[in-house]
Every structure is written in structure tokens, then in C-alpha cells.
Amino acid sequence: MSMNLGERLAREYLVAQGLEFITANFRLRLGEIDLIMRDGEFLVFVEVKYRTSDRYGTSVEQVTPAKRRKIKLVAQAYLQRYPALGAFVRFDVLGISPAETGYRFNWVKGAFE
């Protein structure tokens, strides 16, 4: 499983914020979850959006209702496979964009239910 730049930056950022990395690029026929992390009691499914500009909307706006449905379906399948991991579940979006001295992170916890 290869991680692209955005996912690698997201993983490093979230680990630095105290989250524990579980897996990346969990993929099924119907879709993929970029990162799965643990934040205390929460199993967090993270959609990573790397953007060079906000011209086409913010990273959170880029996660369409159809994309949210796919993420939720893949998350349900993951939880069926690994039931012990998910007492509480959260769906986060992490937007990343280049900034003058590195990157800017826009982390939205509980971006959708």
C-alpha cells in the first residue's frame, strides 16, 4: 500500500497531534479510506484532501455526499472485519495545502456523521 504525499503528511500531522496510526488506504471494490487512526476511544476514518488552492472549494466541500456514503460503507465493512476496534467512530476530513514555509492543515473533526 503506497501512500501519496498528502496522506504521508496527514499521517505525520495526526500522529503529532496524538493520534495512533492504524492503517492507510483500506480499499474495497466500492471505495477506499485514506487513513484509519485511533483518537482515544474513537476509531477515526480520515479523508485526506490535498489541494494547491481553494479555487474549487475548501477541502471539506470537496467531500461530496456520494463520497461520504462510500466512506461510510467502507467504514462499516472495516468494522465488521475488525469489530473490536470500533466502540466509537468519527469521520474526519484533513485538508492540506502548500503554505509559505511548508503546509497548512485544516483538520475538521466529525466532518460528517
PDB file of N, CA and C in Angstrom:
ATOM      1  N   MET A   1       0.838  -1.187   0.000  1.00  0.00           N
ATOM      2  CA  MET A   1       0.000   0.000   0.000  1.00  0.00           C
ATOM      3  C   MET A   1       0.879   1.245   0.000  1.00  0.00           C
ATOM      4  N   SER A   2       0.799   1.983  -1.069  1.00  0.00           N
ATOM      5  CA  SER A   2       1.631   3.174  -1.143  1.00  0.00           C
ATOM      6  C   SER A   2       0.824   4.389  -0.703  1.00  0.00           C
ATOM      7  N   MET A   3       1.483   5.261  -0.013  1.00  0.00           N
ATOM      8  CA  MET A   3       0.837   6.494   0.430  1.00  0.00           C
ATOM      9  C   MET A   3       1.352   7.630  -0.437  1.00  0.00           C
ATOM     10  N   ASN A   4       0.446   8.500  -0.864  1.00  0.00           N
ATOM     11  CA  ASN A   4       0.893   9.663  -1.610  1.00  0.00           C
ATOM     12  C   ASN A   4       1.374  10.736  -0.628  1.00  0.00           C
ATOM     13  N   LEU A   5       1.869  11.828  -1.179  1.00  0.00           N
ATOM     14  CA  LEU A   5       2.424  12.897  -0.332  1.00  0.00           C
ATOM     15  C   LEU A   5       1.401  13.409   0.667  1.00  0.00           C
ATOM     16  N   GLY A   6       0.179  13.681   0.205  1.00  0.00           N
ATOM     17  CA  GLY A   6      -0.849  14.205   1.096  1.00  0.00           C
ATOM     18  C   GLY A   6      -1.140  13.268   2.249  1.00  0.00           C
ATOM     19  N   GLU A   7      -1.242  11.973   1.953  1.00  0.00           N
ATOM     20  CA  GLU A   7      -1.529  11.000   3.009  1.00  0.00           C
ATOM     21  C   GLU A   7      -0.366  10.874   3.984  1.00  0.00           C
ATOM     22  N   ARG A   8       0.846  10.946   3.463  1.00  0.00           N
ATOM     23  CA  ARG A   8       2.022  10.869   4.348  1.00  0.00           C
ATOM     24  C   ARG A   8       2.075  12.089   5.266  1.00  0.00           C
ATOM     25  N   LEU A   9       1.836  13.268   4.708  1.00  0.00           N
ATOM     26  CA  LEU A   9       1.807  14.489   5.523  1.00  0.00           C
ATOM     27  C   LEU A   9       0.687  14.410   6.561  1.00  0.00           C
ATOM     28  N   ALA A  10      -0.474  13.907   6.147  1.00  0.00           N
ATOM     29  CA  ALA A  10      -1.623  13.790   7.054  1.00  0.00           C
ATOM     30  C   ALA A  10      -1.303  12.846   8.201  1.00  0.00           C
ATOM     31  N   ARG A  11      -0.704  11.717   7.880  1.00  0.00           N
ATOM     32  CA  ARG A  11      -0.353  10.745   8.919  1.00  0.00           C
ATOM     33  C   ARG A  11       0.616  11.356   9.921  1.00  0.00           C
ATOM     34  N   GLU A  12       1.660  12.008   9.422  1.00  0.00           N
ATOM     35  CA  GLU A  12       2.645  12.637  10.315  1.00  0.00           C
ATOM     36  C   GLU A  12       1.988  13.702  11.182  1.00  0.00           C
ATOM     37  N   TYR A  13       1.126  14.503  10.571  1.00  0.00           N
ATOM     38  CA  TYR A  13       0.444  15.570  11.304  1.00  0.00           C
ATOM     39  C   TYR A  13      -0.445  14.992  12.405  1.00  0.00           C
ATOM     40  N   LEU A  14      -1.247  13.985  12.070  1.00  0.00           N
ATOM     41  CA  LEU A  14      -2.179  13.422  13.049  1.00  0.00           C
ATOM     42  C   LEU A  14      -1.452  12.698  14.178  1.00  0.00           C
ATOM     43  N   VAL A  15      -0.372  11.997  13.850  1.00  0.00           N
ATOM     44  CA  VAL A  15       0.426  11.346  14.903  1.00  0.00           C
ATOM     45  C   VAL A  15       1.010  12.414  15.829  1.00  0.00           C
ATOM     46  N   ALA A  16       1.458  13.531  15.244  1.00  0.00           N
ATOM     47  CA  ALA A  16       1.995  14.627  16.065  1.00  0.00           C
ATOM     48  C   ALA A  16       0.908  15.228  16.962  1.00  0.00           C
ATOM     49  N   GLN A  17      -0.363  15.114  16.551  1.00  0.00           N
ATOM     50  CA  GLN A  17      -1.487  15.609  17.366  1.00  0.00           C
ATOM     51  C   GLN A  17      -1.934  14.592  18.405  1.00  0.00           C
ATOM     52  N   GLY A  18      -1.249  13.440  18.462  1.00  0.00           N
ATOM     53  CA  GLY A  18      -1.557  12.453  19.494  1.00  0.00           C
ATOM     54  C   GLY A  18      -2.393  11.267  19.034  1.00  0.00           C
ATOM     55  N   LEU A  19      -2.735  11.200  17.752  1.00  0.00           N
ATOM     56  CA  LEU A  19      -3.498  10.058  17.260  1.00  0.00           C
ATOM     57  C   LEU A  19      -2.561   8.887  16.983  1.00  0.00           C
ATOM     58  N   GLU A  20      -3.122   7.702  17.027  1.00  0.00           N
ATOM     59  CA  GLU A  20      -2.351   6.484  16.757  1.00  0.00           C
ATOM     60  C   GLU A  20      -2.715   5.987  15.367  1.00  0.00           C
ATOM     61  N   PHE A  21      -1.707   5.697  14.570  1.00  0.00           N
ATOM     62  CA  PHE A  21      -1.923   5.199  13.210  1.00  0.00           C
ATOM     63  C   PHE A  21      -2.359   3.741  13.260  1.00  0.00           C
ATOM     64  N   ILE A  22      -3.426   3.408  12.534  1.00  0.00           N
ATOM     65  CA  ILE A  22      -3.873   2.015  12.420  1.00  0.00           C
ATOM     66  C   ILE A  22      -3.525   1.468  11.039  1.00  0.00           C
ATOM     67  N   THR A  23      -4.062   2.088   9.985  1.00  0.00           N
ATOM     68  CA  THR A  23      -3.755   1.630   8.632  1.00  0.00           C
ATOM     69  C   THR A  23      -4.030   2.743   7.623  1.00  0.00           C
ATOM     70  N   ALA A  24      -3.494   2.549   6.423  1.00  0.00           N
ATOM     71  CA  ALA A  24      -3.704   3.504   5.336  1.00  0.00           C
ATOM     72  C   ALA A  24      -4.279   2.772   4.130  1.00  0.00           C
ATOM     73  N   ASN A  25      -5.034   3.511   3.323  1.00  0.00           N
ATOM     74  CA  ASN A  25      -5.548   3.009   2.053  1.00  0.00           C
ATOM     75  C   ASN A  25      -6.297   1.691   2.198  1.00  0.00           C
ATOM     76  N   PHE A  26      -7.245   1.653   3.144  1.00  0.00           N
ATOM     77  CA  PHE A  26      -8.100   0.469   3.273  1.00  0.00           C
ATOM     78  C   PHE A  26      -9.079   0.505   2.108  1.00  0.00           C
ATOM     79  N   ARG A  27      -8.972  -0.505   1.243  1.00  0.00           N
ATOM     80  CA  ARG A  27      -9.663  -0.450  -0.041  1.00  0.00           C
ATOM     81  C   ARG A  27     -10.573  -1.656  -0.225  1.00  0.00           C
ATOM     82  N   LEU A  28     -11.780  -1.346  -0.688  1.00  0.00           N
ATOM     83  CA  LEU A  28     -12.726  -2.371  -1.132  1.00  0.00           C
ATOM     84  C   LEU A  28     -13.184  -1.986  -2.532  1.00  0.00           C
ATOM     85  N   ARG A  29     -13.950  -2.870  -3.179  1.00  0.00           N
ATOM     86  CA  ARG A  29     -14.440  -2.539  -4.531  1.00  0.00           C
ATOM     87  C   ARG A  29     -15.195  -1.217  -4.548  1.00  0.00           C
ATOM     88  N   LEU A  30     -15.966  -0.954  -3.495  1.00  0.00           N
ATOM     89  CA  LEU A  30     -16.834   0.222  -3.534  1.00  0.00           C
ATOM     90  C   LEU A  30     -16.152   1.511  -3.110  1.00  0.00           C
ATOM     91  N   GLY A  31     -14.940   1.440  -2.617  1.00  0.00           N
ATOM     92  CA  GLY A  31     -14.263   2.678  -2.237  1.00  0.00           C
ATOM     93  C   GLY A  31     -13.055   2.441  -1.362  1.00  0.00           C
ATOM     94  N   GLU A  32     -12.508   3.537  -0.864  1.00  0.00           N
ATOM     95  CA  GLU A  32     -11.274   3.485  -0.092  1.00  0.00           C
ATOM     96  C   GLU A  32     -11.323   4.520   1.023  1.00  0.00           C
ATOM     97  N   ILE A  33     -10.678   4.174   2.137  1.00  0.00           N
ATOM     98  CA  ILE A  33     -10.484   5.136   3.222  1.00  0.00           C
ATOM     99  C   ILE A  33      -8.994   5.429   3.281  1.00  0.00           C
ATOM    100  N   ASP A  34      -8.663   6.730   3.250  1.00  0.00           N
ATOM    101  CA  ASP A  34      -7.255   7.127   3.178  1.00  0.00           C
ATOM    102  C   ASP A  34      -6.479   6.702   4.420  1.00  0.00           C
ATOM    103  N   LEU A  35      -6.978   7.089   5.600  1.00  0.00           N
ATOM    104  CA  LEU A  35      -6.288   6.769   6.848  1.00  0.00           C
ATOM    105  C   LEU A  35      -7.293   6.305   7.885  1.00  0.00           C
ATOM    106  N   ILE A  36      -6.890   5.340   8.682  1.00  0.00           N
ATOM    107  CA  ILE A  36      -7.673   4.940   9.848  1.00  0.00           C
ATOM    108  C   ILE A  36      -6.757   5.128  11.051  1.00  0.00           C
ATOM    109  N   MET A  37      -7.240   5.931  12.002  1.00  0.00           N
ATOM    110  CA  MET A  37      -6.446   6.315  13.168  1.00  0.00           C
ATOM    111  C   MET A  37      -7.252   6.031  14.429  1.00  0.00           C
ATOM    112  N   ARG A  38      -6.580   6.044  15.563  1.00  0.00           N
ATOM    113  CA  ARG A  38      -7.282   5.978  16.844  1.00  0.00           C
ATOM    114  C   ARG A  38      -7.016   7.273  17.591  1.00  0.00           C
ATOM    115  N   ASP A  39      -8.105   7.864  18.118  1.00  0.00           N
ATOM    116  CA  ASP A  39      -8.020   9.094  18.909  1.00  0.00           C
ATOM    117  C   ASP A  39      -8.750   8.802  20.212  1.00  0.00           C
ATOM    118  N   GLY A  40      -8.011   8.357  21.222  1.00  0.00           N
ATOM    119  CA  GLY A  40      -8.643   7.959  22.482  1.00  0.00           C
ATOM    120  C   GLY A  40      -9.578   6.792  22.239  1.00  0.00           C
ATOM    121  N   GLU A  41     -10.847   6.960  22.577  1.00  0.00           N
ATOM    122  CA  GLU A  41     -11.826   5.887  22.401  1.00  0.00           C
ATOM    123  C   GLU A  41     -12.345   5.810  20.970  1.00  0.00           C
ATOM    124  N   PHE A  42     -12.012   6.780  20.140  1.00  0.00           N
ATOM    125  CA  PHE A  42     -12.575   6.858  18.789  1.00  0.00           C
ATOM    126  C   PHE A  42     -11.694   6.173  17.757  1.00  0.00           C
ATOM    127  N   LEU A  43     -12.344   5.414  16.897  1.00  0.00           N
ATOM    128  CA  LEU A  43     -11.718   4.953  15.670  1.00  0.00           C
ATOM    129  C   LEU A  43     -12.079   6.013  14.636  1.00  0.00           C
ATOM    130  N   VAL A  44     -11.061   6.614  14.015  1.00  0.00           N
ATOM    131  CA  VAL A  44     -11.276   7.763  13.153  1.00  0.00           C
ATOM    132  C   VAL A  44     -10.959   7.392  11.709  1.00  0.00           C
ATOM    133  N   PHE A  45     -11.962   7.579  10.850  1.00  0.00           N
ATOM    134  CA  PHE A  45     -11.791   7.368   9.418  1.00  0.00           C
ATOM    135  C   PHE A  45     -11.520   8.735   8.804  1.00  0.00           C
ATOM    136  N   VAL A  46     -10.340   8.878   8.193  1.00  0.00           N
ATOM    137  CA  VAL A  46      -9.888  10.193   7.732  1.00  0.00           C
ATOM    138  C   VAL A  46      -9.851  10.240   6.214  1.00  0.00           C
ATOM    139  N   GLU A  47     -10.537  11.225   5.665  1.00  0.00           N
ATOM    140  CA  GLU A  47     -10.450  11.518   4.238  1.00  0.00           C
ATOM    141  C   GLU A  47      -9.447  12.656   4.083  1.00  0.00           C
ATOM    142  N   VAL A  48      -8.397  12.416   3.308  1.00  0.00           N
ATOM    143  CA  VAL A  48      -7.340  13.406   3.115  1.00  0.00           C
ATOM    144  C   VAL A  48      -7.574  14.116   1.784  1.00  0.00           C
ATOM    145  N   LYS A  49      -7.554  15.438   1.832  1.00  0.00           N
ATOM    146  CA  LYS A  49      -7.708  16.240   0.621  1.00  0.00           C
ATOM    147  C   LYS A  49      -6.515  17.159   0.490  1.00  0.00           C
ATOM    148  N   TYR A  50      -5.669  16.892  -0.494  1.00  0.00           N
ATOM    149  CA  TYR A  50      -4.517  17.750  -0.754  1.00  0.00           C
ATOM    150  C   TYR A  50      -4.890  18.688  -1.896  1.00  0.00           C
ATOM    151  N   ARG A  51      -4.789  19.969  -1.658  1.00  0.00           N
ATOM    152  CA  ARG A  51      -5.185  20.971  -2.654  1.00  0.00           C
ATOM    153  C   ARG A  51      -4.103  22.028  -2.768  1.00  0.00           C
ATOM    154  N   THR A  52      -3.837  22.434  -3.998  1.00  0.00           N
ATOM    155  CA  THR A  52      -2.881  23.529  -4.175  1.00  0.00           C
ATOM    156  C   THR A  52      -3.569  24.876  -4.046  1.00  0.00           C
ATOM    157  N   SER A  53      -4.929  24.910  -4.173  1.00  0.00           N
ATOM    158  CA  SER A  53      -5.657  26.156  -3.947  1.00  0.00           C
ATOM    159  C   SER A  53      -7.088  25.828  -3.550  1.00  0.00           C
ATOM    160  N   ASP A  54      -7.795  26.829  -3.040  1.00  0.00           N
ATOM    161  CA  ASP A  54      -9.204  26.658  -2.674  1.00  0.00           C
ATOM    162  C   ASP A  54     -10.125  27.125  -3.803  1.00  0.00           C
ATOM    163  N   ARG A  55      -9.580  27.235  -4.999  1.00  0.00           N
ATOM    164  CA  ARG A  55     -10.357  27.762  -6.123  1.00  0.00           C
ATOM    165  C   ARG A  55     -11.650  26.978  -6.341  1.00  0.00           C
ATOM    166  N   TYR A  56     -11.603  25.660  -6.119  1.00  0.00           N
ATOM    167  CA  TYR A  56     -12.781  24.821  -6.359  1.00  0.00           C
ATOM    168  C   TYR A  56     -13.472  24.435  -5.057  1.00  0.00           C
ATOM    169  N   GLY A  57     -13.312  25.261  -4.030  1.00  0.00           N
ATOM    170  CA  GLY A  57     -13.955  24.983  -2.750  1.00  0.00           C
ATOM    171  C   GLY A  57     -12.944  24.451  -1.750  1.00  0.00           C
ATOM    172  N   THR A  58     -13.330  24.484  -0.487  1.00  0.00           N
ATOM    173  CA  THR A  58     -12.433  24.014   0.563  1.00  0.00           C
ATOM    174  C   THR A  58     -12.358  22.495   0.526  1.00  0.00           C
ATOM    175  N   SER A  59     -11.397  21.956   1.252  1.00  0.00           N
ATOM    176  CA  SER A  59     -11.215  20.505   1.275  1.00  0.00           C
ATOM    177  C   SER A  59     -12.466  19.795   1.782  1.00  0.00           C
ATOM    178  N   VAL A  60     -13.149  20.382   2.762  1.00  0.00           N
ATOM    179  CA  VAL A  60     -14.350  19.742   3.301  1.00  0.00           C
ATOM    180  C   VAL A  60     -15.470  19.765   2.263  1.00  0.00           C
ATOM    181  N   GLU A  61     -15.581  20.880   1.538  1.00  0.00           N
ATOM    182  CA  GLU A  61     -16.612  20.982   0.497  1.00  0.00           C
ATOM    183  C   GLU A  61     -16.366  19.986  -0.630  1.00  0.00           C
ATOM    184  N   GLN A  62     -15.131  19.560  -0.799  1.00  0.00           N
ATOM    185  CA  GLN A  62     -14.786  18.606  -1.855  1.00  0.00           C
ATOM    186  C   GLN A  62     -15.289  17.194  -1.550  1.00  0.00           C
ATOM    187  N   VAL A  63     -15.651  16.924  -0.305  1.00  0.00           N
ATOM    188  CA  VAL A  63     -16.149  15.594   0.060  1.00  0.00           C
ATOM    189  C   VAL A  63     -17.663  15.598  -0.173  1.00  0.00           C
ATOM    190  N   THR A  64     -18.044  15.130  -1.337  1.00  0.00           N
ATOM    191  CA  THR A  64     -19.438  15.175  -1.774  1.00  0.00           C
ATOM    192  C   THR A  64     -20.291  14.188  -0.972  1.00  0.00           C
ATOM    193  N   PRO A  65     -21.611  14.369  -1.001  1.00  0.00           N
ATOM    194  CA  PRO A  65     -22.484  13.385  -0.340  1.00  0.00           C
ATOM    195  C   PRO A  65     -22.251  11.958  -0.844  1.00  0.00           C
ATOM    196  N   ALA A  66     -22.009  11.798  -2.141  1.00  0.00           N
ATOM    197  CA  ALA A  66     -21.746  10.455  -2.680  1.00  0.00           C
ATOM    198  C   ALA A  66     -20.454   9.884  -2.091  1.00  0.00           C
ATOM    199  N   LYS A  67     -19.438  10.718  -1.983  1.00  0.00           N
ATOM    200  CA  LYS A  67     -18.155  10.278  -1.406  1.00  0.00           C
ATOM    201  C   LYS A  67     -18.344   9.921   0.068  1.00  0.00           C
ATOM    202  N   ARG A  68     -19.135  10.705   0.787  1.00  0.00           N
ATOM    203  CA  ARG A  68     -19.403  10.410   2.201  1.00  0.00           C
ATOM    204  C   ARG A  68     -20.086   9.059   2.351  1.00  0.00           C
ATOM    205  N   ARG A  69     -21.077   8.780   1.482  1.00  0.00           N
ATOM    206  CA  ARG A  69     -21.768   7.487   1.529  1.00  0.00           C
ATOM    207  C   ARG A  69     -20.787   6.340   1.324  1.00  0.00           C
ATOM    208  N   LYS A  70     -19.895   6.485   0.344  1.00  0.00           N
ATOM    209  CA  LYS A  70     -18.898   5.438   0.070  1.00  0.00           C
ATOM    210  C   LYS A  70     -17.994   5.227   1.276  1.00  0.00           C
ATOM    211  N   ILE A  71     -17.524   6.321   1.859  1.00  0.00           N
ATOM    212  CA  ILE A  71     -16.634   6.215   3.023  1.00  0.00           C
ATOM    213  C   ILE A  71     -17.348   5.480   4.146  1.00  0.00           C
ATOM    214  N   LYS A  72     -18.627   5.814   4.377  1.00  0.00           N
ATOM    215  CA  LYS A  72     -19.380   5.159   5.459  1.00  0.00           C
ATOM    216  C   LYS A  72     -19.558   3.668   5.188  1.00  0.00           C
ATOM    217  N   LEU A  73     -19.830   3.303   3.940  1.00  0.00           N
ATOM    218  CA  LEU A  73     -19.981   1.888   3.596  1.00  0.00           C
ATOM    219  C   LEU A  73     -18.675   1.125   3.809  1.00  0.00           C
ATOM    220  N   VAL A  74     -17.564   1.706   3.383  1.00  0.00           N
ATOM    221  CA  VAL A  74     -16.267   1.057   3.576  1.00  0.00           C
ATOM    222  C   VAL A  74     -15.954   0.966   5.066  1.00  0.00           C
ATOM    223  N   ALA A  75     -16.289   2.016   5.827  1.00  0.00           N
ATOM    224  CA  ALA A  75     -16.064   2.007   7.279  1.00  0.00           C
ATOM    225  C   ALA A  75     -16.870   0.886   7.935  1.00  0.00           C
ATOM    226  N   GLN A  76     -18.130   0.715   7.511  1.00  0.00           N
ATOM    227  CA  GLN A  76     -18.950  -0.369   8.069  1.00  0.00           C
ATOM    228  C   GLN A  76     -18.320  -1.722   7.789  1.00  0.00           C
ATOM    229  N   ALA A  77     -17.821  -1.909   6.580  1.00  0.00           N
ATOM    230  CA  ALA A  77     -17.168  -3.172   6.224  1.00  0.00           C
ATOM    231  C   ALA A  77     -15.919  -3.388   7.071  1.00  0.00           C
ATOM    232  N   TYR A  78     -15.166  -2.315   7.289  1.00  0.00           N
ATOM    233  CA  TYR A  78     -13.959  -2.411   8.123  1.00  0.00           C
ATOM    234  C   TYR A  78     -14.333  -2.834   9.541  1.00  0.00           C
ATOM    235  N   LEU A  79     -15.392  -2.228  10.078  1.00  0.00           N
ATOM    236  CA  LEU A  79     -15.817  -2.542  11.448  1.00  0.00           C
ATOM    237  C   LEU A  79     -16.357  -3.965  11.556  1.00  0.00           C
ATOM    238  N   GLN A  80     -16.949  -4.481  10.498  1.00  0.00           N
ATOM    239  CA  GLN A  80     -17.390  -5.878  10.513  1.00  0.00           C
ATOM    240  C   GLN A  80     -16.185  -6.804  10.537  1.00  0.00           C
ATOM    241  N   ARG A  81     -15.146  -6.409   9.844  1.00  0.00           N
ATOM    242  CA  ARG A  81     -13.925  -7.215   9.794  1.00  0.00           C
ATOM    243  C   ARG A  81     -13.139  -7.143  11.105  1.00  0.00           C
ATOM    244  N   TYR A  82     -13.126  -5.963  11.716  1.00  0.00           N
ATOM    245  CA  TYR A  82     -12.354  -5.729  12.946  1.00  0.00           C
ATOM    246  C   TYR A  82     -13.261  -5.130  14.012  1.00  0.00           C
ATOM    247  N   PRO A  83     -14.232  -5.897  14.521  1.00  0.00           N
ATOM    248  CA  PRO A  83     -15.229  -5.309  15.430  1.00  0.00           C
ATOM    249  C   PRO A  83     -14.652  -4.784  16.740  1.00  0.00           C
ATOM    250  N   ALA A  84     -13.562  -5.343  17.201  1.00  0.00           N
ATOM    251  CA  ALA A  84     -13.018  -4.922  18.496  1.00  0.00           C
ATOM    252  C   ALA A  84     -12.470  -3.496  18.446  1.00  0.00           C
ATOM    253  N   LEU A  85     -12.197  -2.992  17.266  1.00  0.00           N
ATOM    254  CA  LEU A  85     -11.567  -1.671  17.155  1.00  0.00           C
ATOM    255  C   LEU A  85     -12.536  -0.511  17.338  1.00  0.00           C
ATOM    256  N   GLY A  86     -13.835  -0.728  17.071  1.00  0.00           N
ATOM    257  CA  GLY A  86     -14.690   0.440  16.925  1.00  0.00           C
ATOM    258  C   GLY A  86     -15.811   0.614  17.912  1.00  0.00           C
ATOM    259  N   ALA A  87     -15.508   1.035  19.114  1.00  0.00           N
ATOM    260  CA  ALA A  87     -16.586   1.365  20.052  1.00  0.00           C
ATOM    261  C   ALA A  87     -17.244   2.671  19.612  1.00  0.00           C
ATOM    262  N   PHE A  88     -16.433   3.679  19.374  1.00  0.00           N
ATOM    263  CA  PHE A  88     -16.920   4.978  18.902  1.00  0.00           C
ATOM    264  C   PHE A  88     -16.221   5.280  17.585  1.00  0.00           C
ATOM    265  N   VAL A  89     -16.967   5.840  16.655  1.00  0.00           N
ATOM    266  CA  VAL A  89     -16.448   6.096  15.315  1.00  0.00           C
ATOM    267  C   VAL A  89     -16.615   7.574  14.990  1.00  0.00           C
ATOM    268  N   ARG A  90     -15.621   8.118  14.292  1.00  0.00           N
ATOM    269  CA  ARG A  90     -15.686   9.518  13.870  1.00  0.00           C
ATOM    270  C   ARG A  90     -15.169   9.605  12.433  1.00  0.00           C
ATOM    271  N   PHE A  91     -15.753  10.505  11.665  1.00  0.00           N
ATOM    272  CA  PHE A  91     -15.321  10.744  10.296  1.00  0.00           C
ATOM    273  C   PHE A  91     -14.724  12.144  10.223  1.00  0.00           C
ATOM    274  N   ASP A  92     -13.426  12.212   9.938  1.00  0.00           N
ATOM    275  CA  ASP A  92     -12.717  13.482   9.865  1.00  0.00           C
ATOM    276  C   ASP A  92     -12.295  13.755   8.424  1.00  0.00           C
ATOM    277  N   VAL A  93     -12.136  15.022   8.116  1.00  0.00           N
ATOM    278  CA  VAL A  93     -11.538  15.432   6.847  1.00  0.00           C
ATOM    279  C   VAL A  93     -10.315  16.272   7.196  1.00  0.00           C
ATOM    280  N   LEU A  94      -9.207  15.966   6.548  1.00  0.00           N
ATOM    281  CA  LEU A  94      -7.979  16.736   6.758  1.00  0.00           C
ATOM    282  C   LEU A  94      -7.564  17.329   5.425  1.00  0.00           C
ATOM    283  N   GLY A  95      -7.717  18.644   5.329  1.00  0.00           N
ATOM    284  CA  GLY A  95      -7.287  19.357   4.131  1.00  0.00           C
ATOM    285  C   GLY A  95      -5.857  19.825   4.301  1.00  0.00           C
ATOM    286  N   ILE A  96      -5.081  19.665   3.255  1.00  0.00           N
ATOM    287  CA  ILE A  96      -3.672  20.079   3.284  1.00  0.00           C
ATOM    288  C   ILE A  96      -3.426  20.932   2.048  1.00  0.00           C
ATOM    289  N   SER A  97      -2.760  22.048   2.255  1.00  0.00           N
ATOM    290  CA  SER A  97      -2.381  22.883   1.120  1.00  0.00           C
ATOM    291  C   SER A  97      -1.002  23.474   1.379  1.00  0.00           C
ATOM    292  N   PRO A  98      -0.236  23.707   0.319  1.00  0.00           N
ATOM    293  CA  PRO A  98       1.091  24.297   0.496  1.00  0.00           C
ATOM    294  C   PRO A  98       0.977  25.688   1.107  1.00  0.00           C
ATOM    295  N   ALA A  99       1.901  26.005   1.991  1.00  0.00           N
ATOM    296  CA  ALA A  99       1.969  27.339   2.586  1.00  0.00           C
ATOM    297  C   ALA A  99       3.391  27.856   2.370  1.00  0.00           C
ATOM    298  N   GLU A 100       3.640  29.093   2.769  1.00  0.00           N
ATOM    299  CA  GLU A 100       4.949  29.697   2.513  1.00  0.00           C
ATOM    300  C   GLU A 100       6.092  28.872   3.097  1.00  0.00           C
ATOM    301  N   THR A 101       5.903  28.352   4.302  1.00  0.00           N
ATOM    302  CA  THR A 101       7.008  27.642   4.957  1.00  0.00           C
ATOM    303  C   THR A 101       6.641  26.190   5.234  1.00  0.00           C
ATOM    304  N   GLY A 102       5.994  25.537   4.274  1.00  0.00           N
ATOM    305  CA  GLY A 102       5.637  24.142   4.477  1.00  0.00           C
ATOM    306  C   GLY A 102       4.213  23.885   4.015  1.00  0.00           C
ATOM    307  N   TYR A 103       3.363  23.505   4.966  1.00  0.00           N
ATOM    308  CA  TYR A 103       1.988  23.147   4.611  1.00  0.00           C
ATOM    309  C   TYR A 103       1.010  23.703   5.632  1.00  0.00           C
ATOM    310  N   ARG A 104      -0.202  23.945   5.162  1.00  0.00           N
ATOM    311  CA  ARG A 104      -1.275  24.387   6.049  1.00  0.00           C
ATOM    312  C   ARG A 104      -2.245  23.214   6.185  1.00  0.00           C
ATOM    313  N   PHE A 105      -2.654  22.936   7.422  1.00  0.00           N
ATOM    314  CA  PHE A 105      -3.553  21.816   7.701  1.00  0.00           C
ATOM    315  C   PHE A 105      -4.891  22.359   8.193  1.00  0.00           C
ATOM    316  N   ASN A 106      -5.966  21.829   7.630  1.00  0.00           N
ATOM    317  CA  ASN A 106      -7.317  22.180   8.066  1.00  0.00           C
ATOM    318  C   ASN A 106      -7.990  20.875   8.476  1.00  0.00           C
ATOM    319  N   TRP A 107      -7.945  20.594   9.776  1.00  0.00           N
ATOM    320  CA  TRP A 107      -8.443  19.324  10.302  1.00  0.00           C
ATOM    321  C   TRP A 107      -9.848  19.544  10.852  1.00  0.00           C
ATOM    322  N   VAL A 108     -10.826  18.892  10.241  1.00  0.00           N
ATOM    323  CA  VAL A 108     -12.202  19.013  10.683  1.00  0.00           C
ATOM    324  C   VAL A 108     -12.620  17.688  11.314  1.00  0.00           C
ATOM    325  N   LYS A 109     -12.705  17.694  12.651  1.00  0.00           N
ATOM    326  CA  LYS A 109     -13.132  16.504  13.368  1.00  0.00           C
ATOM    327  C   LYS A 109     -14.641  16.360  13.243  1.00  0.00           C
ATOM    328  N   GLY A 110     -15.109  15.137  13.033  1.00  0.00           N
ATOM    329  CA  GLY A 110     -16.542  14.919  12.910  1.00  0.00           C
ATOM    330  C   GLY A 110     -17.135  15.701  11.755  1.00  0.00           C
ATOM    331  N   ALA A 111     -16.437  15.701  10.617  1.00  0.00           N
ATOM    332  CA  ALA A 111     -16.875  16.487   9.454  1.00  0.00           C
ATOM    333  C   ALA A 111     -18.235  16.032   8.942  1.00  0.00           C
ATOM    334  N   PHE A 112     -18.544  14.766   9.139  1.00  0.00           N
ATOM    335  CA  PHE A 112     -19.869  14.256   8.790  1.00  0.00           C
ATOM    336  C   PHE A 112     -20.168  13.040   9.639  1.00  0.00           C
ATOM    337  N   GLU A 113     -21.458  12.705   9.727  1.00  0.00           N
ATOM    338  CA  GLU A 113     -21.892  11.579  10.568  1.00  0.00           C
ATOM    339  C   GLU A 113     -22.200  10.377   9.708  1.00  0.00           C
TER     340      GLU A 113
END
